Amino acid sequence: MEYHYKTKGTCSREIIIDLDGDTVHSVKFIGGCNGNTKGISALVKEMKVEDVISRLKGIKCGMKSTSCPDQLATALQACKAEGK
């Protein structure tokens, strides 16, 4: 199931997540720091949604209250809440 999430407070504008049940199949960030977002995407591939959320939730970028990893965790929480 593909899910699109509009980010808030980060350089990336959107995250496209493809889930296979409770497993992250793939993640693609639109915008943001190219190398970092590709790295995050590669690291979370085939991980369980709960594991990704627990590892990434609360990470901040500089003085911002959020980050691309934190926004990914938020997006995955939204997917779970919607039953996706």
C-alpha atoms as a PDB file:
ATOM      1  CA  MET A   1       0.000   0.000   0.000  1.00  0.00           C
ATOM      2  CA  GLU A   2       1.456   3.345  -1.026  1.00  0.00           C
ATOM      3  CA  TYR A   3       1.005   6.307   1.292  1.00  0.00           C
ATOM      4  CA  HIS A   4       1.873   9.982   0.626  1.00  0.00           C
ATOM      5  CA  TYR A   5       2.664  12.229   3.590  1.00  0.00           C
ATOM      6  CA  LYS A   6       3.201  16.011   3.383  1.00  0.00           C
ATOM      7  CA  THR A   7       6.000  16.867   5.793  1.00  0.00           C
ATOM      8  CA  LYS A   8       5.958  19.789   8.211  1.00  0.00           C
ATOM      9  CA  GLY A   9       8.997  21.758   9.385  1.00  0.00           C
ATOM     10  CA  THR A  10      11.631  20.050   7.222  1.00  0.00           C
ATOM     11  CA  CYS A  11      13.466  20.672   3.961  1.00  0.00           C
ATOM     12  CA  SER A  12      11.757  17.623   2.446  1.00  0.00           C
ATOM     13  CA  ARG A  13       8.248  18.330   1.176  1.00  0.00           C
ATOM     14  CA  GLU A  14       6.761  14.857   0.988  1.00  0.00           C
ATOM     15  CA  ILE A  15       7.460  11.245   1.903  1.00  0.00           C
ATOM     16  CA  ILE A  16       6.168   8.379  -0.230  1.00  0.00           C
ATOM     17  CA  ILE A  17       5.957   5.155   1.752  1.00  0.00           C
ATOM     18  CA  ASP A  18       5.198   1.701   0.371  1.00  0.00           C
ATOM     19  CA  LEU A  19       4.102  -0.725   3.081  1.00  0.00           C
ATOM     20  CA  ASP A  20       3.668  -4.475   2.872  1.00  0.00           C
ATOM     21  CA  GLY A  21       1.496  -5.161   5.891  1.00  0.00           C
ATOM     22  CA  ASP A  22       3.487  -4.016   8.920  1.00  0.00           C
ATOM     23  CA  THR A  23       6.780  -3.907   6.990  1.00  0.00           C
ATOM     24  CA  VAL A  24       8.306  -0.919   5.198  1.00  0.00           C
ATOM     25  CA  HIS A  25       8.882  -1.981   1.597  1.00  0.00           C
ATOM     26  CA  SER A  26      10.333   1.356   0.430  1.00  0.00           C
ATOM     27  CA  VAL A  27      10.544   5.045   1.311  1.00  0.00           C
ATOM     28  CA  LYS A  28      11.183   8.003  -0.996  1.00  0.00           C
ATOM     29  CA  PHE A  29      11.673  11.580   0.204  1.00  0.00           C
ATOM     30  CA  ILE A  30      10.803  14.479  -2.099  1.00  0.00           C
ATOM     31  CA  GLY A  31      13.257  17.284  -1.377  1.00  0.00           C
ATOM     32  CA  GLY A  32      15.582  17.402   1.599  1.00  0.00           C
ATOM     33  CA  CYS A  33      19.248  16.472   1.825  1.00  0.00           C
ATOM     34  CA  ASN A  34      19.638  13.955  -0.984  1.00  0.00           C
ATOM     35  CA  GLY A  35      22.301  11.728   0.558  1.00  0.00           C
ATOM     36  CA  ASN A  36      20.757  11.711   4.022  1.00  0.00           C
ATOM     37  CA  THR A  37      17.244  10.899   2.829  1.00  0.00           C
ATOM     38  CA  LYS A  38      18.557   8.125   0.561  1.00  0.00           C
ATOM     39  CA  GLY A  39      20.474   6.763   3.536  1.00  0.00           C
ATOM     40  CA  ILE A  40      17.393   6.783   5.770  1.00  0.00           C
ATOM     41  CA  SER A  41      15.387   5.078   3.025  1.00  0.00           C
ATOM     42  CA  ALA A  42      17.997   2.332   2.608  1.00  0.00           C
ATOM     43  CA  LEU A  43      18.275   1.729   6.357  1.00  0.00           C
ATOM     44  CA  VAL A  44      14.540   1.341   6.998  1.00  0.00           C
ATOM     45  CA  LYS A  45      13.857  -0.889   3.984  1.00  0.00           C
ATOM     46  CA  GLU A  46      12.204  -4.157   5.082  1.00  0.00           C
ATOM     47  CA  MET A  47      12.039  -3.029   8.741  1.00  0.00           C
ATOM     48  CA  LYS A  48       8.898  -3.396  10.837  1.00  0.00           C
ATOM     49  CA  VAL A  49       6.888  -0.173  11.108  1.00  0.00           C
ATOM     50  CA  GLU A  50       7.055  -0.201  14.937  1.00  0.00           C
ATOM     51  CA  ASP A  51      10.847  -0.573  14.876  1.00  0.00           C
ATOM     52  CA  VAL A  52      11.237   2.400  12.527  1.00  0.00           C
ATOM     53  CA  ILE A  53       8.953   4.547  14.683  1.00  0.00           C
ATOM     54  CA  SER A  54      10.774   3.653  17.912  1.00  0.00           C
ATOM     55  CA  ARG A  55      14.197   4.416  16.404  1.00  0.00           C
ATOM     56  CA  LEU A  56      13.378   7.643  14.575  1.00  0.00           C
ATOM     57  CA  LYS A  57      10.676   9.392  16.627  1.00  0.00           C
ATOM     58  CA  GLY A  58      11.947  12.532  18.332  1.00  0.00           C
ATOM     59  CA  ILE A  59      15.125  13.072  16.295  1.00  0.00           C
ATOM     60  CA  LYS A  60      15.680  16.789  15.704  1.00  0.00           C
ATOM     61  CA  CYS A  61      17.554  18.623  12.948  1.00  0.00           C
ATOM     62  CA  GLY A  62      19.608  21.474  14.395  1.00  0.00           C
ATOM     63  CA  MET A  63      17.319  23.940  16.159  1.00  0.00           C
ATOM     64  CA  LYS A  64      14.181  22.576  14.456  1.00  0.00           C
ATOM     65  CA  SER A  65      11.670  20.647  16.534  1.00  0.00           C
ATOM     66  CA  THR A  66      11.586  17.858  13.934  1.00  0.00           C
ATOM     67  CA  SER A  67      13.680  16.228  11.188  1.00  0.00           C
ATOM     68  CA  CYS A  68      13.198  14.045   8.126  1.00  0.00           C
ATOM     69  CA  PRO A  69      13.605  10.870  10.227  1.00  0.00           C
ATOM     70  CA  ASP A  70      11.105  12.213  12.791  1.00  0.00           C
ATOM     71  CA  GLN A  71       8.668  13.081   9.999  1.00  0.00           C
ATOM     72  CA  LEU A  72       8.989   9.535   8.648  1.00  0.00           C
ATOM     73  CA  ALA A  73       8.091   8.197  12.099  1.00  0.00           C
ATOM     74  CA  THR A  74       5.115  10.589  12.227  1.00  0.00           C
ATOM     75  CA  ALA A  75       4.013   9.464   8.762  1.00  0.00           C
ATOM     76  CA  LEU A  76       4.185   5.815   9.804  1.00  0.00           C
ATOM     77  CA  GLN A  77       2.144   6.569  12.927  1.00  0.00           C
ATOM     78  CA  ALA A  78      -0.461   8.218  10.679  1.00  0.00           C
ATOM     79  CA  CYS A  79      -0.490   5.112   8.446  1.00  0.00           C
ATOM     80  CA  LYS A  80      -1.114   2.921  11.490  1.00  0.00           C
ATOM     81  CA  ALA A  81      -3.886   5.219  12.746  1.00  0.00           C
ATOM     82  CA  GLU A  82      -5.623   4.998   9.371  1.00  0.00           C
ATOM     83  CA  GLY A  83      -5.251   1.243   9.377  1.00  0.00           C
ATOM     84  CA  LYS A  84      -2.942   1.148   6.358  1.00  0.00           C
END
